[in-house]
């Protein structure tokens, strides 16, 4: 899993930061010092916080991470669904804003790769229940459909 998902330079953010620095330089030439400082700080902050993003290395698609919370009673059923066949007739487990169980999903935005991991809450932290479950191909689209159906 470490080698499949990689952090890369976000080119769009780099272009935006360079554009803002050029605007800041133009404002400096025009002797508008307050605009120069504000735009330069904005460029630096945008680049500092957003310069890298995670991508699925095989396709180059950006990766999104999401956490879903569920009740402890649903843990076994959720494991069975995730390890078994995902389909339209799979048991629905409704997710909530908090709960004693957590499902972390890392999914490529083009839905070509996904990893699901189940955790349960032990006071003050979540502990891993089982190893990561990897999906590729058409099973990822089924997982995405299943997760959308389970949200309230």
C-alpha atoms as a PDB file:
ATOM      1  CA  UNK A   1       0.000   0.000   0.000  1.00  0.00           C
ATOM      2  CA  UNK A   2       2.901   2.383   0.728  1.00  0.00           C
ATOM      3  CA  UNK A   3       4.210   2.096  -2.808  1.00  0.00           C
ATOM      4  CA  UNK A   4       0.828   2.459  -4.500  1.00  0.00           C
ATOM      5  CA  UNK A   5      -0.067   5.833  -2.965  1.00  0.00           C
ATOM      6  CA  UNK A   6       2.523   8.593  -3.193  1.00  0.00           C
ATOM      7  CA  UNK A   7       2.723  12.304  -2.354  1.00  0.00           C
ATOM      8  CA  UNK A   8       3.442  14.480  -5.361  1.00  0.00           C
ATOM      9  CA  UNK A   9       3.772  18.156  -6.098  1.00  0.00           C
ATOM     10  CA  UNK A  10       0.406  19.785  -6.821  1.00  0.00           C
ATOM     11  CA  UNK A  11       1.066  21.650 -10.077  1.00  0.00           C
ATOM     12  CA  UNK A  12      -2.141  23.723  -9.904  1.00  0.00           C
ATOM     13  CA  UNK A  13      -1.183  25.098  -6.492  1.00  0.00           C
ATOM     14  CA  UNK A  14       2.352  25.797  -7.697  1.00  0.00           C
ATOM     15  CA  UNK A  15       1.033  27.778 -10.695  1.00  0.00           C
ATOM     16  CA  UNK A  16      -1.369  29.700  -8.419  1.00  0.00           C
ATOM     17  CA  UNK A  17       1.431  30.540  -5.966  1.00  0.00           C
ATOM     18  CA  UNK A  18       3.741  31.709  -8.772  1.00  0.00           C
ATOM     19  CA  UNK A  19       0.942  33.850 -10.234  1.00  0.00           C
ATOM     20  CA  UNK A  20       0.312  35.444  -6.842  1.00  0.00           C
ATOM     21  CA  UNK A  21       4.031  36.163  -6.414  1.00  0.00           C
ATOM     22  CA  UNK A  22       4.066  37.856  -9.836  1.00  0.00           C
ATOM     23  CA  UNK A  23       1.022  39.921  -8.821  1.00  0.00           C
ATOM     24  CA  UNK A  24       2.845  40.792  -5.616  1.00  0.00           C
ATOM     25  CA  UNK A  25       5.879  41.904  -7.639  1.00  0.00           C
ATOM     26  CA  UNK A  26       3.710  44.088  -9.867  1.00  0.00           C
ATOM     27  CA  UNK A  27       2.129  45.649  -6.768  1.00  0.00           C
ATOM     28  CA  UNK A  28       5.621  46.309  -5.392  1.00  0.00           C
ATOM     29  CA  UNK A  29       6.650  48.036  -8.641  1.00  0.00           C
ATOM     30  CA  UNK A  30       3.495  50.178  -8.406  1.00  0.00           C
ATOM     31  CA  UNK A  31       4.473  50.994  -4.780  1.00  0.00           C
ATOM     32  CA  UNK A  32       1.353  49.458  -3.248  1.00  0.00           C
ATOM     33  CA  UNK A  33       3.147  47.937  -0.290  1.00  0.00           C
ATOM     34  CA  UNK A  34       0.139  46.684   1.669  1.00  0.00           C
ATOM     35  CA  UNK A  35      -1.171  44.736  -1.349  1.00  0.00           C
ATOM     36  CA  UNK A  36       2.339  43.404  -1.953  1.00  0.00           C
ATOM     37  CA  UNK A  37       2.615  42.041   1.567  1.00  0.00           C
ATOM     38  CA  UNK A  38      -0.911  40.584   1.660  1.00  0.00           C
ATOM     39  CA  UNK A  39      -0.650  38.841  -1.717  1.00  0.00           C
ATOM     40  CA  UNK A  40       2.862  37.545  -0.988  1.00  0.00           C
ATOM     41  CA  UNK A  41       1.772  36.115   2.374  1.00  0.00           C
ATOM     42  CA  UNK A  42      -1.289  34.539   0.722  1.00  0.00           C
ATOM     43  CA  UNK A  43       0.944  32.904  -1.914  1.00  0.00           C
ATOM     44  CA  UNK A  44       3.327  31.593   0.733  1.00  0.00           C
ATOM     45  CA  UNK A  45       0.501  30.183   2.876  1.00  0.00           C
ATOM     46  CA  UNK A  46      -1.261  28.536  -0.061  1.00  0.00           C
ATOM     47  CA  UNK A  47       1.943  26.924  -1.233  1.00  0.00           C
ATOM     48  CA  UNK A  48       3.034  25.894   2.268  1.00  0.00           C
ATOM     49  CA  UNK A  49      -0.238  24.134   3.137  1.00  0.00           C
ATOM     50  CA  UNK A  50      -1.276  22.722  -0.252  1.00  0.00           C
ATOM     51  CA  UNK A  51       1.930  22.055  -2.221  1.00  0.00           C
ATOM     52  CA  UNK A  52       1.669  18.242  -2.058  1.00  0.00           C
ATOM     53  CA  UNK A  53      -1.240  15.889  -2.607  1.00  0.00           C
ATOM     54  CA  UNK A  54      -1.616  12.123  -2.576  1.00  0.00           C
ATOM     55  CA  UNK A  55      -2.005  10.256  -5.856  1.00  0.00           C
ATOM     56  CA  UNK A  56      -2.526   6.658  -6.899  1.00  0.00           C
ATOM     57  CA  UNK A  57       0.739   6.044  -8.744  1.00  0.00           C
ATOM     58  CA  UNK A  58      -0.628   3.592 -11.324  1.00  0.00           C
ATOM     59  CA  UNK A  59      -3.147   6.018 -12.851  1.00  0.00           C
ATOM     60  CA  UNK A  60      -1.963   9.347 -11.393  1.00  0.00           C
ATOM     61  CA  UNK A  61      -5.428   9.959  -9.950  1.00  0.00           C
ATOM     62  CA  UNK A  62      -5.721  12.046  -6.747  1.00  0.00           C
ATOM     63  CA  UNK A  63      -6.625  10.108  -3.617  1.00  0.00           C
ATOM     64  CA  UNK A  64      -9.324  11.006  -1.111  1.00  0.00           C
ATOM     65  CA  UNK A  65      -9.425   9.767   2.479  1.00  0.00           C
ATOM     66  CA  UNK A  66     -12.677   9.416   4.402  1.00  0.00           C
ATOM     67  CA  UNK A  67     -13.670   8.039   7.787  1.00  0.00           C
ATOM     68  CA  UNK A  68     -17.092   6.554   8.515  1.00  0.00           C
ATOM     69  CA  UNK A  69     -18.288   5.849  12.059  1.00  0.00           C
ATOM     70  CA  UNK A  70     -20.659   3.053  13.082  1.00  0.00           C
ATOM     71  CA  UNK A  71     -21.962   1.260  16.190  1.00  0.00           C
ATOM     72  CA  UNK A  72     -20.016  -1.581  17.757  1.00  0.00           C
ATOM     73  CA  UNK A  73     -22.853  -4.007  17.040  1.00  0.00           C
ATOM     74  CA  UNK A  74     -22.384  -3.499  13.297  1.00  0.00           C
ATOM     75  CA  UNK A  75     -18.660  -4.370  13.229  1.00  0.00           C
ATOM     76  CA  UNK A  76     -19.075  -8.068  12.403  1.00  0.00           C
ATOM     77  CA  UNK A  77     -21.670  -7.423   9.726  1.00  0.00           C
ATOM     78  CA  UNK A  78     -19.507  -4.717   8.152  1.00  0.00           C
ATOM     79  CA  UNK A  79     -16.486  -7.045   8.076  1.00  0.00           C
ATOM     80  CA  UNK A  80     -18.578  -9.720   6.370  1.00  0.00           C
ATOM     81  CA  UNK A  81     -19.828  -7.256   3.761  1.00  0.00           C
ATOM     82  CA  UNK A  82     -16.358  -5.853   3.039  1.00  0.00           C
ATOM     83  CA  UNK A  83     -14.730  -9.299   2.790  1.00  0.00           C
ATOM     84  CA  UNK A  84     -17.638 -10.771   0.846  1.00  0.00           C
ATOM     85  CA  UNK A  85     -19.369  -9.754  -2.331  1.00  0.00           C
ATOM     86  CA  UNK A  86     -20.412  -6.098  -2.495  1.00  0.00           C
ATOM     87  CA  UNK A  87     -23.665  -5.634  -4.325  1.00  0.00           C
ATOM     88  CA  UNK A  88     -27.031  -3.939  -4.334  1.00  0.00           C
ATOM     89  CA  UNK A  89     -28.435  -6.578  -1.982  1.00  0.00           C
ATOM     90  CA  UNK A  90     -25.614  -6.244   0.595  1.00  0.00           C
ATOM     91  CA  UNK A  91     -26.618  -5.492   4.184  1.00  0.00           C
ATOM     92  CA  UNK A  92     -26.750  -1.720   4.747  1.00  0.00           C
ATOM     93  CA  UNK A  93     -24.953  -0.377   7.813  1.00  0.00           C
ATOM     94  CA  UNK A  94     -25.854   3.235   8.401  1.00  0.00           C
ATOM     95  CA  UNK A  95     -22.964   5.488   9.334  1.00  0.00           C
ATOM     96  CA  UNK A  96     -23.216   8.259  11.916  1.00  0.00           C
ATOM     97  CA  UNK A  97     -21.153  11.264  13.023  1.00  0.00           C
ATOM     98  CA  UNK A  98     -19.504   9.276  15.804  1.00  0.00           C
ATOM     99  CA  UNK A  99     -19.446   5.731  17.043  1.00  0.00           C
ATOM    100  CA  UNK A 100     -17.426   2.968  18.641  1.00  0.00           C
ATOM    101  CA  UNK A 101     -16.255   1.719  15.255  1.00  0.00           C
ATOM    102  CA  UNK A 102     -14.527   3.516  12.408  1.00  0.00           C
ATOM    103  CA  UNK A 103     -14.083   2.570   8.769  1.00  0.00           C
ATOM    104  CA  UNK A 104     -11.235   4.401   7.044  1.00  0.00           C
ATOM    105  CA  UNK A 105     -11.359   4.357   3.259  1.00  0.00           C
ATOM    106  CA  UNK A 106      -8.635   5.561   0.905  1.00  0.00           C
ATOM    107  CA  UNK A 107      -9.992   5.738  -2.639  1.00  0.00           C
ATOM    108  CA  UNK A 108      -8.635   7.032  -5.932  1.00  0.00           C
ATOM    109  CA  UNK A 109     -10.966   9.648  -7.393  1.00  0.00           C
ATOM    110  CA  UNK A 110     -11.216   7.712 -10.656  1.00  0.00           C
ATOM    111  CA  UNK A 111     -12.402   4.718  -8.565  1.00  0.00           C
ATOM    112  CA  UNK A 112      -9.674   2.388  -9.797  1.00  0.00           C
ATOM    113  CA  UNK A 113      -8.175   1.542  -6.379  1.00  0.00           C
ATOM    114  CA  UNK A 114      -9.342   1.572  -2.746  1.00  0.00           C
ATOM    115  CA  UNK A 115      -8.219   0.404   0.683  1.00  0.00           C
ATOM    116  CA  UNK A 116     -10.607  -0.066   3.614  1.00  0.00           C
ATOM    117  CA  UNK A 117      -9.521  -0.496   7.236  1.00  0.00           C
ATOM    118  CA  UNK A 118     -11.770  -1.168  10.243  1.00  0.00           C
ATOM    119  CA  UNK A 119     -10.980   0.168  13.722  1.00  0.00           C
ATOM    120  CA  UNK A 120     -12.755  -0.145  17.072  1.00  0.00           C
ATOM    121  CA  UNK A 121     -12.662   2.329  19.921  1.00  0.00           C
ATOM    122  CA  UNK A 122     -10.745   1.525  23.067  1.00  0.00           C
ATOM    123  CA  UNK A 123     -10.785   4.430  25.527  1.00  0.00           C
ATOM    124  CA  UNK A 124      -8.802   7.339  24.145  1.00  0.00           C
ATOM    125  CA  UNK A 125      -7.881   5.769  20.776  1.00  0.00           C
ATOM    126  CA  UNK A 126      -9.014   3.626  17.862  1.00  0.00           C
ATOM    127  CA  UNK A 127      -7.266   0.259  17.411  1.00  0.00           C
ATOM    128  CA  UNK A 128      -6.967  -1.751  14.215  1.00  0.00           C
ATOM    129  CA  UNK A 129      -9.406  -4.682  14.010  1.00  0.00           C
ATOM    130  CA  UNK A 130      -8.158  -6.345  10.858  1.00  0.00           C
ATOM    131  CA  UNK A 131      -5.590  -5.662   8.192  1.00  0.00           C
ATOM    132  CA  UNK A 132      -6.286  -3.368   5.259  1.00  0.00           C
ATOM    133  CA  UNK A 133      -8.677  -4.698   2.623  1.00  0.00           C
ATOM    134  CA  UNK A 134      -7.543  -3.718  -0.874  1.00  0.00           C
ATOM    135  CA  UNK A 135      -9.884  -3.343  -3.834  1.00  0.00           C
ATOM    136  CA  UNK A 136      -9.156  -2.796  -7.504  1.00  0.00           C
ATOM    137  CA  UNK A 137     -11.118  -2.864 -10.710  1.00  0.00           C
ATOM    138  CA  UNK A 138     -14.932  -3.109 -10.651  1.00  0.00           C
ATOM    139  CA  UNK A 139     -15.029  -3.891  -6.894  1.00  0.00           C
ATOM    140  CA  UNK A 140     -13.990  -0.284  -6.168  1.00  0.00           C
ATOM    141  CA  UNK A 141     -17.057   1.073  -7.952  1.00  0.00           C
ATOM    142  CA  UNK A 142     -19.218  -1.365  -5.979  1.00  0.00           C
ATOM    143  CA  UNK A 143     -17.573  -0.204  -2.738  1.00  0.00           C
ATOM    144  CA  UNK A 144     -18.181   3.461  -3.632  1.00  0.00           C
ATOM    145  CA  UNK A 145     -21.855   2.714  -4.409  1.00  0.00           C
ATOM    146  CA  UNK A 146     -22.202   0.770  -1.150  1.00  0.00           C
ATOM    147  CA  UNK A 147     -20.686   3.599   0.917  1.00  0.00           C
ATOM    148  CA  UNK A 148     -23.020   6.153  -0.702  1.00  0.00           C
ATOM    149  CA  UNK A 149     -26.026   3.961   0.090  1.00  0.00           C
ATOM    150  CA  UNK A 150     -24.946   3.601   3.735  1.00  0.00           C
ATOM    151  CA  UNK A 151     -24.748   7.352   4.396  1.00  0.00           C
ATOM    152  CA  UNK A 152     -27.804   8.897   5.979  1.00  0.00           C
END
